[in-house]
Amino acid sequence: MKKRTAVKAKIKNKIRKEMKLLRALIKPLFLKYRSRIIMKKLFSLPEFKKAKKVMFYVSFNNEVVTHTMIKKALKMKKEIYVPITNFKRKHLSINRIRVFPGSLERSKFGMLEPRKEHRELYNGKLDIIVVPGVGFDRAGNRIGYGGGFYDRLLKRMKAIKIGLAFDFQVFDRLPIEKNDEKLDMVITDKRAFKLF
């Protein structure tokens, strides 16, 4: 069992490394254009249209860009939430934002997070959580950055969980471990997998 877990961890780390390298090669125009295609697909979902409380990740390092999505969702009068990362506790706190990007600043790790004076922590119900990742598969499995932050968050939340990815990040099958949380949907620039 330990040997199998070690093999899975090794494969996952290899995928992380390859996907990060591929993402680093993305040209800004591709990033912007493909992210807009993904945004249109997300915003056209009946579940998204109906949703009142949506949590987005704040994109960085050539992830599918969520900045325009957050601005547009705020204009639609949805309640928007973003994570605050506690690296020591390996925990994501949920924070409501009312202005974007003005209420955020770069953390020491380079991610945009709410400024202290704009923090509005939230522990209630969400309708949708938009999830980042480095790799996804057709069954709704994902590989994150290796800290388990989102797996722990998704485990405690009952919202619809949607992963956003560029199509090259989708695999037929990923190695899965017991703590990995499945998504309900994966949207790419070319297709979508709805699993509920």
Protein backbone atom coordinates (compact mmCIF):
# COMPACT_ATOMS: atom_id res chain seq x y z
CA MET A 1 0.00 0.00 0.00
CA LYS A 2 2.79 2.42 0.98
CA LYS A 3 4.64 1.54 -2.22
CA ARG A 4 1.56 2.24 -4.36
CA THR A 5 1.02 5.60 -2.60
CA ALA A 6 4.67 6.54 -3.18
CA VAL A 7 4.36 5.67 -6.89
CA LYS A 8 1.18 7.78 -7.20
CA ALA A 9 2.87 10.72 -5.45
CA LYS A 10 5.83 10.43 -7.83
CA ILE A 11 3.56 10.42 -10.91
CA LYS A 12 1.61 13.41 -9.56
CA ASN A 13 4.82 15.38 -8.99
CA LYS A 14 5.93 14.58 -12.55
CA ILE A 15 2.58 15.85 -13.91
CA ARG A 16 2.86 19.00 -11.76
CA LYS A 17 6.32 19.72 -13.14
CA GLU A 18 5.30 19.13 -16.77
CA MET A 19 2.08 21.16 -16.53
CA LYS A 20 3.82 24.10 -14.85
CA LEU A 21 6.44 24.09 -17.63
CA LEU A 22 3.75 24.00 -20.33
CA ARG A 23 1.80 26.78 -18.64
CA ALA A 24 4.93 28.91 -18.39
CA LEU A 25 5.15 28.80 -22.21
CA ILE A 26 1.66 30.25 -22.74
CA LYS A 27 1.72 33.53 -24.64
CA PRO A 28 -0.31 36.42 -23.11
CA LEU A 29 -2.68 36.57 -26.10
CA PHE A 30 -3.47 32.84 -25.82
CA LEU A 31 -3.98 33.19 -22.07
CA LYS A 32 -6.42 36.08 -22.46
CA TYR A 33 -8.35 34.63 -25.43
CA ARG A 34 -8.70 31.08 -24.06
CA SER A 35 -9.65 32.37 -20.59
CA ARG A 36 -12.47 34.41 -22.16
CA ILE A 37 -13.81 31.29 -23.92
CA ILE A 38 -13.79 29.46 -20.57
CA MET A 39 -15.50 32.42 -18.87
CA LYS A 40 -18.33 32.37 -21.46
CA LYS A 41 -18.89 28.65 -20.84
CA LEU A 42 -18.91 29.11 -17.06
CA PHE A 43 -21.26 32.12 -17.13
CA SER A 44 -23.68 30.36 -19.50
CA LEU A 45 -24.22 27.44 -17.08
CA PRO A 46 -27.75 27.40 -15.58
CA GLU A 47 -26.10 26.59 -12.22
CA PHE A 48 -23.91 29.69 -12.45
CA LYS A 49 -26.78 31.94 -13.54
CA LYS A 50 -28.80 30.74 -10.55
CA ALA A 51 -25.90 30.98 -8.07
CA LYS A 52 -25.92 33.82 -5.55
CA LYS A 53 -22.65 33.07 -3.69
CA VAL A 54 -19.61 32.19 -5.80
CA MET A 55 -16.03 31.63 -4.69
CA PHE A 56 -13.27 32.21 -7.26
CA TYR A 57 -9.56 31.59 -7.00
CA VAL A 58 -7.55 34.70 -7.92
CA SER A 59 -5.42 33.58 -10.86
CA PHE A 60 -1.64 33.92 -11.10
CA ASN A 61 1.26 32.14 -12.85
CA ASN A 62 -0.61 31.53 -16.13
CA GLU A 63 -3.64 29.87 -14.57
CA VAL A 64 -6.96 30.33 -16.39
CA VAL A 65 -7.49 34.05 -15.75
CA THR A 66 -10.30 34.77 -13.28
CA HIS A 67 -9.85 38.56 -12.86
CA THR A 68 -12.40 39.47 -15.57
CA MET A 69 -14.75 36.77 -14.26
CA ILE A 70 -14.66 38.26 -10.75
CA LYS A 71 -15.32 41.80 -12.04
CA LYS A 72 -18.20 40.63 -14.23
CA ALA A 73 -19.76 38.52 -11.45
CA LEU A 74 -19.60 41.51 -9.06
CA LYS A 75 -21.40 43.63 -11.68
CA MET A 76 -24.06 40.90 -11.86
CA LYS A 77 -24.64 41.54 -8.12
CA LYS A 78 -23.45 38.09 -7.07
CA GLU A 79 -21.74 37.73 -3.69
CA ILE A 80 -18.11 36.99 -4.52
CA TYR A 81 -15.62 35.22 -2.27
CA VAL A 82 -11.88 34.55 -2.64
CA PRO A 83 -9.45 32.51 -0.56
CA ILE A 84 -6.88 33.69 1.96
CA THR A 85 -4.04 31.18 2.30
CA ASN A 86 -2.55 30.23 5.64
CA PHE A 87 0.58 28.29 4.69
CA LYS A 88 1.44 27.43 8.29
CA ARG A 89 -1.88 25.70 8.92
CA LYS A 90 -2.31 24.60 5.27
CA HIS A 91 -5.76 26.19 5.37
CA LEU A 92 -7.86 28.37 3.07
CA SER A 93 -10.17 30.94 4.67
CA ILE A 94 -13.10 32.24 2.66
CA ASN A 95 -13.34 36.01 2.35
CA ARG A 96 -16.08 38.13 0.76
CA ILE A 97 -14.93 40.89 -1.57
CA ARG A 98 -16.98 43.83 -2.76
CA VAL A 99 -14.37 45.60 -4.93
CA PHE A 100 -11.87 44.04 -7.34
CA PRO A 101 -8.92 44.44 -7.59
CA GLY A 102 -8.82 47.51 -5.30
CA SER A 103 -9.47 45.58 -2.09
CA LEU A 104 -6.61 43.11 -2.74
CA GLU A 105 -2.82 43.21 -2.48
CA ARG A 106 0.02 40.80 -3.32
CA SER A 107 0.94 38.41 -0.54
CA LYS A 108 4.60 37.55 0.08
CA PHE A 109 4.01 34.47 -2.11
CA GLY A 110 2.85 36.62 -5.04
CA MET A 111 -0.88 35.87 -4.90
CA LEU A 112 -3.53 38.58 -4.73
CA GLU A 113 -5.39 38.39 -1.42
CA PRO A 114 -7.73 40.76 0.44
CA ARG A 115 -5.98 43.56 2.35
CA LYS A 116 -6.31 43.32 6.14
CA GLU A 117 -8.70 46.29 6.27
CA HIS A 118 -10.94 44.63 3.64
CA ARG A 119 -11.13 41.20 5.24
CA GLU A 120 -14.63 39.88 5.70
CA LEU A 121 -14.27 36.22 6.69
CA TYR A 122 -17.16 33.92 5.88
CA ASN A 123 -18.06 30.43 7.12
CA GLY A 124 -21.49 29.97 5.55
CA LYS A 125 -22.83 28.16 2.51
CA LEU A 126 -21.60 28.78 -1.04
CA ASP A 127 -23.36 27.85 -4.27
CA ILE A 128 -20.29 27.41 -6.49
CA ILE A 129 -16.55 27.10 -5.84
CA VAL A 130 -14.31 27.73 -8.87
CA VAL A 131 -11.17 25.65 -8.39
CA PRO A 132 -7.65 25.95 -9.83
CA GLY A 133 -5.34 23.03 -10.56
CA VAL A 134 -2.39 21.89 -12.64
CA GLY A 135 -4.05 18.74 -14.00
CA PHE A 136 -7.58 17.35 -14.33
CA ASP A 137 -9.19 14.21 -15.70
CA ARG A 138 -12.52 13.30 -17.33
CA ALA A 139 -13.85 11.87 -14.06
CA GLY A 140 -13.49 15.16 -12.16
CA ASN A 141 -10.23 14.36 -10.39
CA ARG A 142 -7.60 17.08 -10.06
CA ILE A 143 -4.00 17.57 -9.15
CA GLY A 144 -3.31 20.81 -7.29
CA TYR A 145 -0.02 22.28 -6.19
CA GLY A 146 0.64 19.59 -3.60
CA GLY A 147 -0.36 21.25 -0.32
CA GLY A 148 -3.90 19.85 -0.11
CA PHE A 149 -5.37 23.33 0.55
CA TYR A 150 -8.29 22.97 -1.86
CA ASP A 151 -8.90 19.30 -1.00
CA ARG A 152 -9.48 20.29 2.63
CA LEU A 153 -11.70 23.22 1.62
CA LEU A 154 -13.77 21.13 -0.79
CA LYS A 155 -14.22 18.38 1.79
CA ARG A 156 -15.93 20.78 4.20
CA MET A 157 -18.10 22.61 1.61
CA LYS A 158 -21.27 21.34 -0.11
CA ALA A 159 -21.12 23.72 -3.10
CA ILE A 160 -20.90 22.78 -6.79
CA LYS A 161 -17.16 22.44 -7.47
CA ILE A 162 -15.97 23.56 -10.91
CA GLY A 163 -12.39 23.27 -12.16
CA LEU A 164 -11.10 25.62 -14.88
CA ALA A 165 -8.32 24.45 -17.18
CA PHE A 166 -6.74 24.80 -20.58
CA ASP A 167 -7.43 21.71 -22.64
CA PHE A 168 -3.82 20.50 -22.53
CA GLN A 169 -4.22 20.10 -18.74
CA VAL A 170 -6.84 17.35 -19.10
CA PHE A 171 -5.79 13.69 -18.83
CA ASP A 172 -7.78 10.53 -19.46
CA ARG A 173 -7.00 9.38 -15.93
CA LEU A 174 -5.01 10.76 -13.00
CA PRO A 175 -3.51 8.86 -10.07
CA ILE A 176 -5.82 9.44 -7.10
CA GLU A 177 -5.16 9.26 -3.36
CA LYS A 178 -7.71 8.96 -0.54
CA ASN A 179 -7.57 12.68 0.41
CA ASP A 180 -8.17 13.91 -3.16
CA GLU A 181 -11.57 15.57 -3.61
CA LYS A 182 -13.52 15.18 -6.85
CA LEU A 183 -15.00 18.07 -8.79
CA ASP A 184 -18.52 18.23 -10.17
CA MET A 185 -17.40 19.76 -13.44
CA VAL A 186 -14.29 20.66 -15.44
CA ILE A 187 -14.45 23.42 -18.07
CA THR A 188 -11.73 23.94 -20.67
CA ASP A 189 -11.41 26.15 -23.72
CA LYS A 190 -12.50 23.18 -25.90
CA ARG A 191 -14.88 21.04 -23.82
CA ALA A 192 -16.64 20.53 -20.52
CA PHE A 193 -17.18 17.48 -18.33
CA LYS A 194 -20.31 17.64 -16.20
CA LEU A 195 -20.35 14.94 -13.55
CA PHE A 196 -23.59 15.58 -11.70
